Amino acid sequence: MHRKILGNATINPSRIRIPAYHQYVPPDDTWWDERLCRFPKTYQVPCNSLITDRIPKFPKAVRHSLIDLYCPESLKPTIKKSVPDQDCLIRPYLGKRRRLRNPEQSKLQPFSLRNYPLHLDQIEELALDPFVMTRIMAETLAEIYWRAHVDANDMELVLAPPSGNNAAQSDIMKSPILGDHLMWILDFDCCKHMTLDEEGVEQARAAFYKNDPFYPRPGRDNVTDQRLWNEFKNRFIEASQAILDLESPQAHLPALWIELVEQGPPRPTHHFNEQN
């Protein structure tokens, strides 16, 4: 799926970055013979693995700023010295705000900068532009659905610095706290092929709601949240129309997907054993 998405995204690049794919390594590959010992002891078991480019981590200054802003006071010295927390990527959650907690509850909350969830209220606090992010997310889903024919199930979106000097300045998002950064997508192992029909659209709707709340959500009371959803919806339709032939039998599918998503998550199917 990684190669499929990467290959189709290069047809019409958007402002998203995908780590370059290099090699698939099965558990019985001789590749492990000389390399397994280099892994941490808890990971020294051959498995299905992908070799890809590494997404750049945020630098120390950014990490410490996030710790100073959001880490419980008692944990700050530990997290600043933590080696695992140096691998800092940020998950932008445009579909979720933090619940208010009293100070005593906040002291007990765990904290990690690895895949740090940055909720919408924090995005606003940091003066980041959620409307730029939502347009990028909408364009990305349109590309993945209609070009790659993939449902984006459990796919992750993260904010991270650019890799090297190959990013156009117009693509880079800038912030006094985060510095220069881009949106990246990763983790495609749960993604599945989708057909370009009503069944495939229902599959994509289910995957949208199963995923973490990266994307804006419809039907929210907050005015900004609803504006974000409308921006997402409009950009998704525009990007989809640029991909699909308006005269094709699939031309109605983007609007159908929006309609289903606005109805909410699919209802769980219950199976009952028939009794004689």
Protein backbone atom coordinates (compact mmCIF):
# COMPACT_ATOMS: atom_id res chain seq x y z
CA MET A 1 0.00 0.00 0.00
CA HIS A 2 2.90 2.36 0.73
CA ARG A 3 4.22 1.98 -2.81
CA LYS A 4 0.74 2.26 -4.29
CA ILE A 5 0.02 5.53 -2.49
CA LEU A 6 3.50 6.90 -3.16
CA GLY A 7 3.26 6.08 -6.86
CA ASN A 8 -0.15 7.66 -7.31
CA ALA A 9 0.68 10.76 -5.26
CA THR A 10 3.52 11.56 -7.67
CA ILE A 11 0.99 11.83 -10.51
CA ASN A 12 -0.42 15.02 -8.98
CA PRO A 13 1.71 16.04 -5.98
CA SER A 14 -0.11 17.89 -3.20
CA ARG A 15 1.35 19.63 -0.16
CA ILE A 16 1.81 16.34 1.64
CA ARG A 17 5.03 14.41 2.14
CA ILE A 18 5.32 10.61 2.03
CA PRO A 19 8.52 8.88 3.23
CA ALA A 20 10.35 7.31 0.29
CA TYR A 21 9.97 3.52 0.06
CA HIS A 22 13.13 1.43 -0.34
CA GLN A 23 12.51 -2.22 0.49
CA TYR A 24 10.10 -4.78 1.93
CA VAL A 25 11.78 -7.33 4.22
CA PRO A 26 9.87 -10.53 5.17
CA PRO A 27 10.73 -12.40 8.41
CA ASP A 28 12.66 -15.16 6.59
CA ASP A 29 14.85 -12.79 4.56
CA THR A 30 18.63 -13.09 4.94
CA TRP A 31 18.65 -9.32 5.48
CA TRP A 32 18.07 -10.04 9.19
CA ASP A 33 21.14 -12.27 9.60
CA GLU A 34 23.62 -9.43 10.03
CA ARG A 35 21.26 -6.70 11.19
CA LEU A 36 18.99 -8.17 13.85
CA CYS A 37 21.62 -7.73 16.55
CA ARG A 38 21.64 -3.96 15.90
CA PHE A 39 18.06 -3.57 17.07
CA PRO A 40 17.10 -2.97 20.72
CA LYS A 41 16.74 -6.26 22.57
CA THR A 42 12.97 -5.94 22.85
CA TYR A 43 12.76 -5.75 19.02
CA GLN A 44 15.14 -8.55 18.09
CA VAL A 45 12.49 -10.67 16.39
CA PRO A 46 12.36 -10.87 12.57
CA CYS A 47 9.05 -9.59 11.21
CA ASN A 48 7.45 -8.11 8.11
CA SER A 49 9.21 -4.76 7.76
CA LEU A 50 9.40 -1.80 5.42
CA ILE A 51 12.56 0.21 4.91
CA THR A 52 11.61 3.83 4.26
CA ASP A 53 13.12 7.25 4.72
CA ARG A 54 12.98 8.58 8.27
CA ILE A 55 10.67 11.51 8.91
CA PRO A 56 12.73 14.34 10.47
CA LYS A 57 12.08 15.01 14.14
CA PHE A 58 11.50 18.44 15.63
CA PRO A 59 14.67 20.05 17.05
CA LYS A 60 15.42 20.51 20.73
CA ALA A 61 14.17 24.12 20.91
CA VAL A 62 10.73 23.09 19.63
CA ARG A 63 10.55 20.09 21.94
CA HIS A 64 11.40 22.18 25.01
CA SER A 65 8.84 24.81 24.04
CA LEU A 66 6.12 22.14 23.89
CA ILE A 67 7.26 20.69 27.19
CA ASP A 68 7.21 24.11 28.86
CA LEU A 69 3.71 24.77 27.52
CA TYR A 70 1.95 21.45 28.00
CA CYS A 71 3.90 19.02 30.16
CA PRO A 72 2.90 18.63 33.85
CA GLU A 73 5.39 20.54 35.97
CA SER A 74 6.61 17.48 37.86
CA LEU A 75 7.53 15.68 34.61
CA LYS A 76 9.31 18.49 32.78
CA PRO A 77 12.91 17.70 33.91
CA THR A 78 12.46 14.01 33.07
CA ILE A 79 10.90 14.56 29.65
CA LYS A 80 13.55 17.11 28.65
CA LYS A 81 16.26 14.50 29.32
CA SER A 82 14.32 11.57 27.83
CA VAL A 83 16.00 10.01 24.79
CA PRO A 84 12.78 8.42 23.38
CA ASP A 85 11.06 11.83 23.55
CA GLN A 86 13.65 13.26 21.20
CA ASP A 87 11.76 11.49 18.38
CA CYS A 88 9.12 14.19 18.32
CA LEU A 89 6.43 14.17 15.65
CA ILE A 90 3.12 15.97 16.12
CA ARG A 91 -0.33 14.62 15.31
CA PRO A 92 -2.66 17.49 14.37
CA TYR A 93 -6.13 16.69 15.73
CA LEU A 94 -8.47 19.05 13.90
CA GLY A 95 -11.44 16.93 14.96
CA LYS A 96 -10.94 17.11 18.72
CA ARG A 97 -10.47 19.64 21.48
CA ARG A 98 -9.03 18.87 24.92
CA ARG A 99 -11.40 18.34 27.78
CA LEU A 100 -10.88 20.81 30.60
CA ARG A 101 -9.26 19.22 33.64
CA ASN A 102 -8.57 20.63 37.04
CA PRO A 103 -4.86 21.16 37.91
CA GLU A 104 -4.72 18.10 40.18
CA GLN A 105 -5.93 15.81 37.38
CA SER A 106 -3.42 17.32 34.94
CA LYS A 107 -0.53 16.43 37.24
CA LEU A 108 -1.42 12.75 36.90
CA GLN A 109 -1.61 12.69 33.10
CA PRO A 110 1.18 10.86 31.22
CA PHE A 111 3.16 12.92 28.73
CA SER A 112 5.20 11.97 25.69
CA LEU A 113 6.47 13.88 22.68
CA ARG A 114 6.48 10.77 20.49
CA ASN A 115 3.47 11.23 18.17
CA TYR A 116 2.32 14.10 20.38
CA PRO A 117 -1.43 14.79 19.89
CA LEU A 118 -1.93 18.50 19.27
CA HIS A 119 -5.63 19.20 19.71
CA LEU A 120 -7.52 21.95 17.92
CA ASP A 121 -7.55 24.28 20.92
CA GLN A 122 -3.75 23.91 21.19
CA ILE A 123 -3.39 24.58 17.46
CA GLU A 124 -5.27 27.82 18.05
CA GLU A 125 -3.13 28.66 21.10
CA LEU A 126 0.03 28.26 19.03
CA ALA A 127 -1.39 30.52 16.30
CA LEU A 128 -1.13 27.73 13.71
CA ASP A 129 -3.56 27.88 10.78
CA PRO A 130 -6.01 24.95 10.97
CA PHE A 131 -7.61 26.01 7.67
CA VAL A 132 -4.35 25.43 5.79
CA MET A 133 -4.08 22.02 7.45
CA THR A 134 -7.65 21.07 6.65
CA ARG A 135 -7.20 21.92 2.96
CA ILE A 136 -4.10 19.75 2.82
CA MET A 137 -5.96 16.89 4.51
CA ALA A 138 -8.90 17.19 2.11
CA GLU A 139 -6.61 17.17 -0.96
CA THR A 140 -4.73 14.17 0.43
CA LEU A 141 -7.85 12.08 1.01
CA ALA A 142 -9.12 12.90 -2.49
CA GLU A 143 -5.81 11.75 -3.97
CA ILE A 144 -5.76 8.54 -1.95
CA TYR A 145 -9.40 7.62 -2.60
CA TRP A 146 -9.75 8.41 -6.30
CA ARG A 147 -6.21 7.93 -7.64
CA ALA A 148 -4.79 5.18 -5.43
CA HIS A 149 -8.17 3.50 -4.69
CA VAL A 150 -7.18 3.08 -1.03
CA ASP A 151 -9.47 3.65 1.98
CA ALA A 152 -6.82 5.42 4.19
CA ASN A 153 -7.77 3.17 7.12
CA ASP A 154 -5.61 3.97 10.20
CA MET A 155 -3.31 6.17 8.14
CA GLU A 156 -1.47 8.74 10.26
CA LEU A 157 -0.88 12.40 9.54
CA VAL A 158 1.90 14.21 11.37
CA LEU A 159 3.58 17.58 11.39
CA ALA A 160 7.37 17.43 11.06
CA PRO A 161 10.23 19.51 9.62
CA PRO A 162 11.07 19.38 5.91
CA SER A 163 13.56 16.77 4.76
CA GLY A 164 16.55 18.39 3.09
CA ASN A 165 16.04 21.35 0.78
CA ASN A 166 13.59 19.82 -1.70
CA ALA A 167 10.42 21.46 -0.34
CA ALA A 168 9.09 24.56 -2.06
CA GLN A 169 8.80 27.56 0.25
CA SER A 170 5.13 27.87 -0.71
CA ASP A 171 4.48 24.38 0.72
CA ILE A 172 6.15 25.01 4.08
CA MET A 173 4.06 26.05 7.06
CA LYS A 174 5.81 28.46 9.43
CA SER A 175 5.39 29.02 13.16
CA PRO A 176 7.29 30.85 15.93
CA ILE A 177 6.94 27.73 18.10
CA LEU A 178 7.26 24.87 15.60
CA GLY A 179 9.48 26.57 13.05
CA ASP A 180 9.29 25.40 9.42
CA HIS A 181 7.18 22.27 9.07
CA LEU A 182 5.16 20.18 6.63
CA MET A 183 2.44 17.58 6.86
CA TRP A 184 3.53 13.97 6.37
CA ILE A 185 1.52 10.75 6.02
CA LEU A 186 2.66 7.33 7.18
CA ASP A 187 1.56 3.95 8.53
CA PHE A 188 -0.32 2.29 5.68
CA ASP A 189 -0.30 -1.29 6.94
CA CYS A 190 -4.04 -1.29 7.76
CA CYS A 191 -5.09 0.45 4.55
CA LYS A 192 -7.17 -1.60 2.12
CA HIS A 193 -8.09 -1.40 -1.53
CA MET A 194 -11.47 0.24 -2.16
CA THR A 195 -13.68 -0.08 -5.20
CA LEU A 196 -14.93 3.09 -6.87
CA ASP A 197 -18.58 2.47 -6.15
CA GLU A 198 -21.10 2.86 -3.31
CA GLU A 199 -19.61 -0.05 -1.39
CA GLY A 200 -16.13 1.48 -1.56
CA VAL A 201 -17.43 4.86 -0.40
CA GLU A 202 -19.10 3.22 2.60
CA GLN A 203 -15.80 1.49 3.37
CA ALA A 204 -14.00 4.85 3.23
CA ARG A 205 -16.62 6.44 5.52
CA ALA A 206 -16.08 3.69 8.10
CA ALA A 207 -12.29 4.14 7.90
CA PHE A 208 -12.66 7.92 8.35
CA TYR A 209 -14.45 7.46 11.68
CA LYS A 210 -12.22 4.60 12.88
CA ASN A 211 -9.11 6.74 12.55
CA ASP A 212 -7.76 9.19 15.11
CA PRO A 213 -9.48 12.62 14.89
CA PHE A 214 -7.05 14.14 12.41
CA TYR A 215 -9.78 15.49 10.17
CA PRO A 216 -12.47 18.06 11.03
CA ARG A 217 -15.79 16.54 12.06
CA PRO A 218 -19.27 17.61 10.93
CA GLY A 219 -22.10 18.62 13.22
CA ARG A 220 -20.12 20.39 15.92
CA ASP A 221 -21.57 23.26 17.98
CA ASN A 222 -18.34 25.26 17.99
CA VAL A 223 -18.43 27.87 15.19
CA THR A 224 -14.76 27.38 14.24
CA ASP A 225 -15.19 23.61 14.18
CA GLN A 226 -18.12 23.92 11.78
CA ARG A 227 -16.22 26.38 9.58
CA LEU A 228 -13.35 23.89 9.43
CA TRP A 229 -15.69 21.10 8.35
CA ASN A 230 -17.19 23.31 5.63
CA GLU A 231 -13.69 24.18 4.41
CA PHE A 232 -12.74 20.49 4.39
CA LYS A 233 -15.93 19.53 2.54
CA ASN A 234 -15.57 22.19 -0.14
CA ARG A 235 -11.88 21.49 -0.76
CA PHE A 236 -12.49 17.73 -0.87
CA ILE A 237 -15.17 18.16 -3.53
CA GLU A 238 -12.97 20.55 -5.56
CA ALA A 239 -9.94 18.23 -5.38
CA SER A 240 -12.06 15.20 -6.23
CA GLN A 241 -13.59 16.89 -9.28
CA ALA A 242 -10.09 17.67 -10.53
CA ILE A 243 -9.31 13.94 -10.44
CA LEU A 244 -12.53 12.26 -11.57
CA ASP A 245 -14.06 12.75 -15.00
CA LEU A 246 -17.29 14.71 -14.43
CA GLU A 247 -18.97 12.54 -17.06
CA SER A 248 -17.83 9.26 -15.51
CA PRO A 249 -20.06 6.86 -13.53
CA GLN A 250 -17.92 7.70 -10.45
CA ALA A 251 -18.50 11.47 -10.57
CA HIS A 252 -21.16 11.35 -7.82
CA LEU A 253 -19.00 9.42 -5.32
CA PRO A 254 -17.26 12.40 -3.59
CA ALA A 255 -20.61 14.03 -2.79
CA LEU A 256 -21.95 10.68 -1.62
CA TRP A 257 -18.96 10.25 0.70
CA ILE A 258 -19.57 13.71 2.19
CA GLU A 259 -23.27 12.88 2.65
CA LEU A 260 -22.45 9.63 4.47
CA VAL A 261 -19.82 11.25 6.69
CA GLU A 262 -22.28 13.98 7.67
CA GLN A 263 -24.69 11.25 8.77
CA GLY A 264 -22.09 10.15 11.34
CA PRO A 265 -20.26 6.86 11.99
CA PRO A 266 -21.79 3.72 10.52
CA ARG A 267 -23.92 1.78 12.94
CA PRO A 268 -22.32 -1.43 14.23
CA THR A 269 -23.75 -4.59 12.78
CA HIS A 270 -24.98 -7.07 15.38
CA HIS A 271 -25.16 -10.76 14.55
CA PHE A 272 -27.54 -12.94 16.53
CA ASN A 273 -27.43 -16.71 16.61
CA GLU A 274 -30.66 -18.19 15.40
CA GLN A 275 -32.23 -20.61 17.84
CA ASN A 276 -34.25 -23.57 16.68
